[in-house]
Amino acid sequence: MFGERLAELRKLNDDTQQILADKIGFSVWAVRAWEQEKNLPPSDALLAICKLYGTSADYLLGLTDYDPSDEHRKQQQKLTHAEQDEMHNYEEYLLWKRNKNSRTARP
């Protein structure tokens, strides 16, 4: 989960693995290993990633599905309040649907 979310955020910010590595002071090999989920970054790298992309460690580590950087992107895109409400409602629906499906999938 961490690797997928990191890669997604990196791409949303138009960064390559090399650019991310340079920005946070780690090697491109380290970034690749994190994205391939071979290991997790040390705490200082995790903190640097969170600050760089405006997200939370909870989101990157899969403890929550709420990504604070989504709010920043919404503001940059200048969505109307009605559009933001609609996105929020759809997000709530998707989370409800996921929870409903996971409850029905249990033996």
N, C-alpha and C. Protein backbone atom coordinates (compact mmCIF):
# COMPACT_ATOMS: atom_id res chain seq x y z
N MET A 1 0.81 -1.19 0.00
CA MET A 1 0.00 0.00 0.00
C MET A 1 0.86 1.26 0.00
N PHE A 2 1.91 1.27 0.83
CA PHE A 2 2.77 2.45 0.91
C PHE A 2 3.36 2.76 -0.46
N GLY A 3 3.88 1.76 -1.12
CA GLY A 3 4.52 1.97 -2.41
C GLY A 3 3.57 2.53 -3.45
N GLU A 4 2.37 2.00 -3.50
CA GLU A 4 1.37 2.49 -4.45
C GLU A 4 1.02 3.94 -4.18
N ARG A 5 0.83 4.25 -2.92
CA ARG A 5 0.44 5.62 -2.57
C ARG A 5 1.57 6.61 -2.81
N LEU A 6 2.78 6.20 -2.51
CA LEU A 6 3.93 7.07 -2.76
C LEU A 6 4.07 7.33 -4.26
N ALA A 7 3.99 6.28 -5.06
CA ALA A 7 4.11 6.44 -6.52
C ALA A 7 3.01 7.34 -7.06
N GLU A 8 1.80 7.18 -6.55
CA GLU A 8 0.68 8.00 -7.00
C GLU A 8 0.93 9.47 -6.68
N LEU A 9 1.33 9.75 -5.45
CA LEU A 9 1.59 11.14 -5.06
C LEU A 9 2.75 11.73 -5.86
N ARG A 10 3.78 10.94 -6.06
CA ARG A 10 4.94 11.41 -6.82
C ARG A 10 4.51 11.79 -8.24
N LYS A 11 3.73 10.93 -8.87
CA LYS A 11 3.29 11.20 -10.24
C LYS A 11 2.32 12.38 -10.30
N LEU A 12 1.43 12.50 -9.32
CA LEU A 12 0.51 13.65 -9.29
C LEU A 12 1.27 14.97 -9.20
N ASN A 13 2.47 14.91 -8.63
CA ASN A 13 3.29 16.11 -8.49
C ASN A 13 4.34 16.23 -9.59
N ASP A 14 4.19 15.39 -10.62
CA ASP A 14 5.10 15.42 -11.78
C ASP A 14 6.56 15.23 -11.40
N ASP A 15 6.81 14.40 -10.41
CA ASP A 15 8.18 14.07 -10.01
C ASP A 15 8.55 12.68 -10.52
N THR A 16 9.79 12.55 -10.94
CA THR A 16 10.32 11.22 -11.22
C THR A 16 10.85 10.66 -9.92
N GLN A 17 11.22 9.39 -9.93
CA GLN A 17 11.83 8.82 -8.72
C GLN A 17 13.13 9.56 -8.39
N GLN A 18 13.89 9.93 -9.41
CA GLN A 18 15.14 10.65 -9.19
C GLN A 18 14.90 12.02 -8.58
N ILE A 19 13.89 12.73 -9.09
CA ILE A 19 13.58 14.05 -8.55
C ILE A 19 13.15 13.96 -7.09
N LEU A 20 12.29 12.98 -6.78
CA LEU A 20 11.89 12.79 -5.38
C LEU A 20 13.09 12.49 -4.51
N ALA A 21 13.94 11.59 -4.98
CA ALA A 21 15.14 11.23 -4.22
C ALA A 21 15.99 12.46 -3.93
N ASP A 22 16.19 13.29 -4.95
CA ASP A 22 17.00 14.51 -4.77
C ASP A 22 16.34 15.47 -3.79
N LYS A 23 15.02 15.61 -3.88
CA LYS A 23 14.31 16.56 -3.01
C LYS A 23 14.38 16.17 -1.54
N ILE A 24 14.39 14.86 -1.25
CA ILE A 24 14.38 14.44 0.16
C ILE A 24 15.75 13.95 0.64
N GLY A 25 16.73 13.94 -0.25
CA GLY A 25 18.09 13.59 0.16
C GLY A 25 18.34 12.09 0.33
N PHE A 26 17.67 11.30 -0.46
CA PHE A 26 17.89 9.85 -0.45
C PHE A 26 18.22 9.39 -1.86
N SER A 27 18.67 8.18 -1.99
CA SER A 27 19.04 7.67 -3.31
C SER A 27 17.81 7.24 -4.10
N VAL A 28 17.95 7.25 -5.40
CA VAL A 28 16.86 6.79 -6.25
C VAL A 28 16.60 5.30 -5.99
N TRP A 29 17.63 4.57 -5.60
CA TRP A 29 17.45 3.14 -5.29
C TRP A 29 16.55 2.96 -4.08
N ALA A 30 16.68 3.86 -3.11
CA ALA A 30 15.82 3.80 -1.92
C ALA A 30 14.37 4.06 -2.31
N VAL A 31 14.14 5.09 -3.14
CA VAL A 31 12.79 5.42 -3.56
C VAL A 31 12.19 4.25 -4.33
N ARG A 32 12.96 3.64 -5.21
CA ARG A 32 12.47 2.49 -5.97
C ARG A 32 12.09 1.34 -5.04
N ALA A 33 12.92 1.09 -4.05
CA ALA A 33 12.65 0.00 -3.10
C ALA A 33 11.37 0.28 -2.32
N TRP A 34 11.12 1.54 -1.95
CA TRP A 34 9.90 1.89 -1.22
C TRP A 34 8.68 1.68 -2.11
N GLU A 35 8.79 2.14 -3.36
CA GLU A 35 7.65 2.00 -4.26
C GLU A 35 7.37 0.54 -4.63
N GLN A 36 8.40 -0.28 -4.63
CA GLN A 36 8.23 -1.71 -4.91
C GLN A 36 7.89 -2.48 -3.65
N GLU A 37 7.77 -1.75 -2.54
CA GLU A 37 7.41 -2.32 -1.23
C GLU A 37 8.39 -3.38 -0.75
N LYS A 38 9.66 -3.17 -1.11
CA LYS A 38 10.72 -4.05 -0.61
C LYS A 38 11.08 -3.68 0.82
N ASN A 39 10.89 -2.41 1.15
CA ASN A 39 11.04 -1.95 2.53
C ASN A 39 10.36 -0.60 2.69
N LEU A 40 10.28 -0.15 3.92
CA LEU A 40 9.67 1.15 4.22
C LEU A 40 10.77 2.17 4.48
N PRO A 41 10.48 3.43 4.24
CA PRO A 41 11.50 4.45 4.49
C PRO A 41 11.71 4.68 5.98
N PRO A 42 12.90 5.16 6.33
CA PRO A 42 13.12 5.53 7.73
C PRO A 42 12.24 6.74 8.07
N SER A 43 12.09 7.00 9.34
CA SER A 43 11.17 8.05 9.79
C SER A 43 11.51 9.42 9.22
N ASP A 44 12.80 9.74 9.07
CA ASP A 44 13.14 11.06 8.53
C ASP A 44 12.73 11.19 7.06
N ALA A 45 12.82 10.12 6.31
CA ALA A 45 12.37 10.15 4.91
C ALA A 45 10.86 10.24 4.84
N LEU A 46 10.17 9.48 5.69
CA LEU A 46 8.71 9.53 5.72
C LEU A 46 8.23 10.94 6.04
N LEU A 47 8.84 11.57 7.00
CA LEU A 47 8.48 12.94 7.36
C LEU A 47 8.74 13.90 6.20
N ALA A 48 9.87 13.74 5.53
CA ALA A 48 10.20 14.60 4.39
C ALA A 48 9.19 14.44 3.25
N ILE A 49 8.76 13.21 3.00
CA ILE A 49 7.77 12.94 1.95
C ILE A 49 6.44 13.60 2.32
N CYS A 50 6.04 13.45 3.57
CA CYS A 50 4.78 14.05 4.02
C CYS A 50 4.80 15.56 3.86
N LYS A 51 5.88 16.19 4.25
CA LYS A 51 5.99 17.64 4.13
C LYS A 51 6.03 18.06 2.67
N LEU A 52 6.76 17.33 1.85
CA LEU A 52 6.89 17.67 0.45
C LEU A 52 5.56 17.61 -0.29
N TYR A 53 4.80 16.57 -0.05
CA TYR A 53 3.55 16.36 -0.78
C TYR A 53 2.30 16.77 -0.02
N GLY A 54 2.47 17.29 1.20
CA GLY A 54 1.32 17.78 1.95
C GLY A 54 0.36 16.69 2.36
N THR A 55 0.89 15.52 2.65
CA THR A 55 0.05 14.39 3.03
C THR A 55 0.38 13.97 4.46
N SER A 56 -0.17 12.85 4.89
CA SER A 56 0.09 12.37 6.25
C SER A 56 0.73 10.99 6.21
N ALA A 57 1.46 10.69 7.26
CA ALA A 57 2.04 9.35 7.39
C ALA A 57 0.93 8.31 7.50
N ASP A 58 -0.16 8.67 8.17
CA ASP A 58 -1.29 7.74 8.29
C ASP A 58 -1.80 7.34 6.91
N TYR A 59 -1.89 8.29 6.01
CA TYR A 59 -2.36 7.98 4.65
C TYR A 59 -1.35 7.09 3.93
N LEU A 60 -0.10 7.49 3.95
CA LEU A 60 0.92 6.72 3.23
C LEU A 60 1.05 5.29 3.77
N LEU A 61 0.90 5.13 5.06
CA LEU A 61 1.05 3.81 5.68
C LEU A 61 -0.24 2.98 5.63
N GLY A 62 -1.31 3.56 5.12
CA GLY A 62 -2.56 2.82 4.98
C GLY A 62 -3.42 2.78 6.21
N LEU A 63 -3.16 3.67 7.17
CA LEU A 63 -3.96 3.71 8.39
C LEU A 63 -5.26 4.46 8.18
N THR A 64 -5.32 5.26 7.11
CA THR A 64 -6.52 5.99 6.75
C THR A 64 -6.58 6.11 5.24
N ASP A 65 -7.75 6.30 4.72
CA ASP A 65 -7.91 6.53 3.28
C ASP A 65 -8.02 8.02 2.97
N TYR A 66 -7.97 8.85 3.99
CA TYR A 66 -8.05 10.29 3.80
C TYR A 66 -6.66 10.84 3.48
N ASP A 67 -6.53 11.47 2.34
CA ASP A 67 -5.26 12.06 1.94
C ASP A 67 -5.38 13.59 2.01
N PRO A 68 -4.70 14.22 2.96
CA PRO A 68 -4.80 15.68 3.09
C PRO A 68 -4.37 16.43 1.84
N SER A 69 -3.52 15.84 1.03
CA SER A 69 -3.09 16.54 -0.18
C SER A 69 -4.21 16.67 -1.20
N ASP A 70 -5.26 15.84 -1.07
CA ASP A 70 -6.42 15.97 -1.94
C ASP A 70 -7.07 17.34 -1.79
N GLU A 71 -7.16 17.82 -0.55
CA GLU A 71 -7.77 19.13 -0.30
C GLU A 71 -6.97 20.23 -0.99
N HIS A 72 -5.66 20.11 -0.93
CA HIS A 72 -4.81 21.11 -1.58
C HIS A 72 -5.02 21.10 -3.09
N ARG A 73 -5.08 19.92 -3.69
CA ARG A 73 -5.30 19.81 -5.14
C ARG A 73 -6.67 20.37 -5.51
N LYS A 74 -7.67 20.12 -4.69
CA LYS A 74 -9.01 20.65 -4.96
C LYS A 74 -8.98 22.18 -4.98
N GLN A 75 -8.26 22.77 -4.05
CA GLN A 75 -8.19 24.22 -3.99
C GLN A 75 -7.44 24.78 -5.19
N GLN A 76 -6.39 24.08 -5.62
CA GLN A 76 -5.63 24.52 -6.78
C GLN A 76 -6.47 24.45 -8.05
N GLN A 77 -7.34 23.46 -8.12
CA GLN A 77 -8.17 23.28 -9.30
C GLN A 77 -9.36 24.23 -9.29
N LYS A 78 -9.55 24.95 -8.19
CA LYS A 78 -10.62 25.93 -8.06
C LYS A 78 -12.00 25.31 -8.29
N LEU A 79 -12.24 24.19 -7.65
CA LEU A 79 -13.57 23.59 -7.73
C LEU A 79 -14.55 24.45 -6.95
N THR A 80 -15.76 24.48 -7.43
CA THR A 80 -16.80 25.20 -6.71
C THR A 80 -17.14 24.43 -5.45
N HIS A 81 -17.83 25.09 -4.54
CA HIS A 81 -18.24 24.41 -3.31
C HIS A 81 -19.16 23.23 -3.63
N ALA A 82 -20.03 23.40 -4.59
CA ALA A 82 -20.93 22.32 -4.98
C ALA A 82 -20.15 21.13 -5.53
N GLU A 83 -19.12 21.41 -6.33
CA GLU A 83 -18.28 20.33 -6.87
C GLU A 83 -17.50 19.63 -5.77
N GLN A 84 -16.99 20.41 -4.82
CA GLN A 84 -16.27 19.82 -3.70
C GLN A 84 -17.20 18.94 -2.87
N ASP A 85 -18.42 19.41 -2.65
CA ASP A 85 -19.40 18.62 -1.91
C ASP A 85 -19.71 17.33 -2.64
N GLU A 86 -19.85 17.43 -3.95
CA GLU A 86 -20.14 16.24 -4.76
C GLU A 86 -18.99 15.23 -4.68
N MET A 87 -17.76 15.72 -4.73
CA MET A 87 -16.60 14.83 -4.61
C MET A 87 -16.57 14.16 -3.24
N HIS A 88 -16.87 14.95 -2.22
CA HIS A 88 -16.89 14.40 -0.86
C HIS A 88 -17.97 13.33 -0.73
N ASN A 89 -19.14 13.59 -1.27
CA ASN A 89 -20.22 12.61 -1.21
C ASN A 89 -19.85 11.33 -1.94
N TYR A 90 -19.20 11.46 -3.07
CA TYR A 90 -18.79 10.28 -3.83
C TYR A 90 -17.73 9.49 -3.06
N GLU A 91 -16.80 10.21 -2.43
CA GLU A 91 -15.78 9.55 -1.62
C GLU A 91 -16.43 8.78 -0.47
N GLU A 92 -17.39 9.39 0.19
CA GLU A 92 -18.10 8.72 1.29
C GLU A 92 -18.83 7.48 0.77
N TYR A 93 -19.44 7.58 -0.40
CA TYR A 93 -20.12 6.44 -0.99
C TYR A 93 -19.14 5.30 -1.27
N LEU A 94 -18.00 5.62 -1.84
CA LEU A 94 -17.02 4.57 -2.14
C LEU A 94 -16.52 3.88 -0.88
N LEU A 95 -16.29 4.64 0.17
CA LEU A 95 -15.85 4.05 1.44
C LEU A 95 -16.95 3.19 2.04
N TRP A 96 -18.19 3.65 1.97
CA TRP A 96 -19.33 2.86 2.45
C TRP A 96 -19.42 1.55 1.67
N LYS A 97 -19.29 1.65 0.35
CA LYS A 97 -19.37 0.47 -0.51
C LYS A 97 -18.26 -0.53 -0.19
N ARG A 98 -17.04 -0.02 0.04
CA ARG A 98 -15.92 -0.89 0.39
C ARG A 98 -16.20 -1.61 1.71
N ASN A 99 -16.66 -0.86 2.69
CA ASN A 99 -16.95 -1.47 3.99
C ASN A 99 -18.07 -2.50 3.89
N LYS A 100 -19.09 -2.19 3.12
CA LYS A 100 -20.20 -3.12 2.93
C LYS A 100 -19.72 -4.40 2.27
N ASN A 101 -18.88 -4.27 1.23
CA ASN A 101 -18.35 -5.45 0.53
C ASN A 101 -17.42 -6.27 1.42
N SER A 102 -16.66 -5.62 2.27
CA SER A 102 -15.76 -6.38 3.13
C SER A 102 -16.52 -7.12 4.22
N ARG A 103 -17.66 -6.58 4.65
CA ARG A 103 -18.48 -7.27 5.65
C ARG A 103 -19.17 -8.49 5.05
N THR A 104 -19.63 -8.37 3.81
CA THR A 104 -20.33 -9.48 3.17
C THR A 104 -19.38 -10.57 2.70
N ALA A 105 -18.09 -10.23 2.55
CA ALA A 105 -17.10 -11.21 2.07
C ALA A 105 -16.60 -12.12 3.18
N ARG A 106 -16.88 -11.80 4.42
CA ARG A 106 -16.41 -12.60 5.55
C ARG A 106 -17.19 -13.91 5.60
N PRO A 107 -16.48 -15.00 5.93
CA PRO A 107 -17.17 -16.32 6.01
C PRO A 107 -18.08 -16.44 7.21
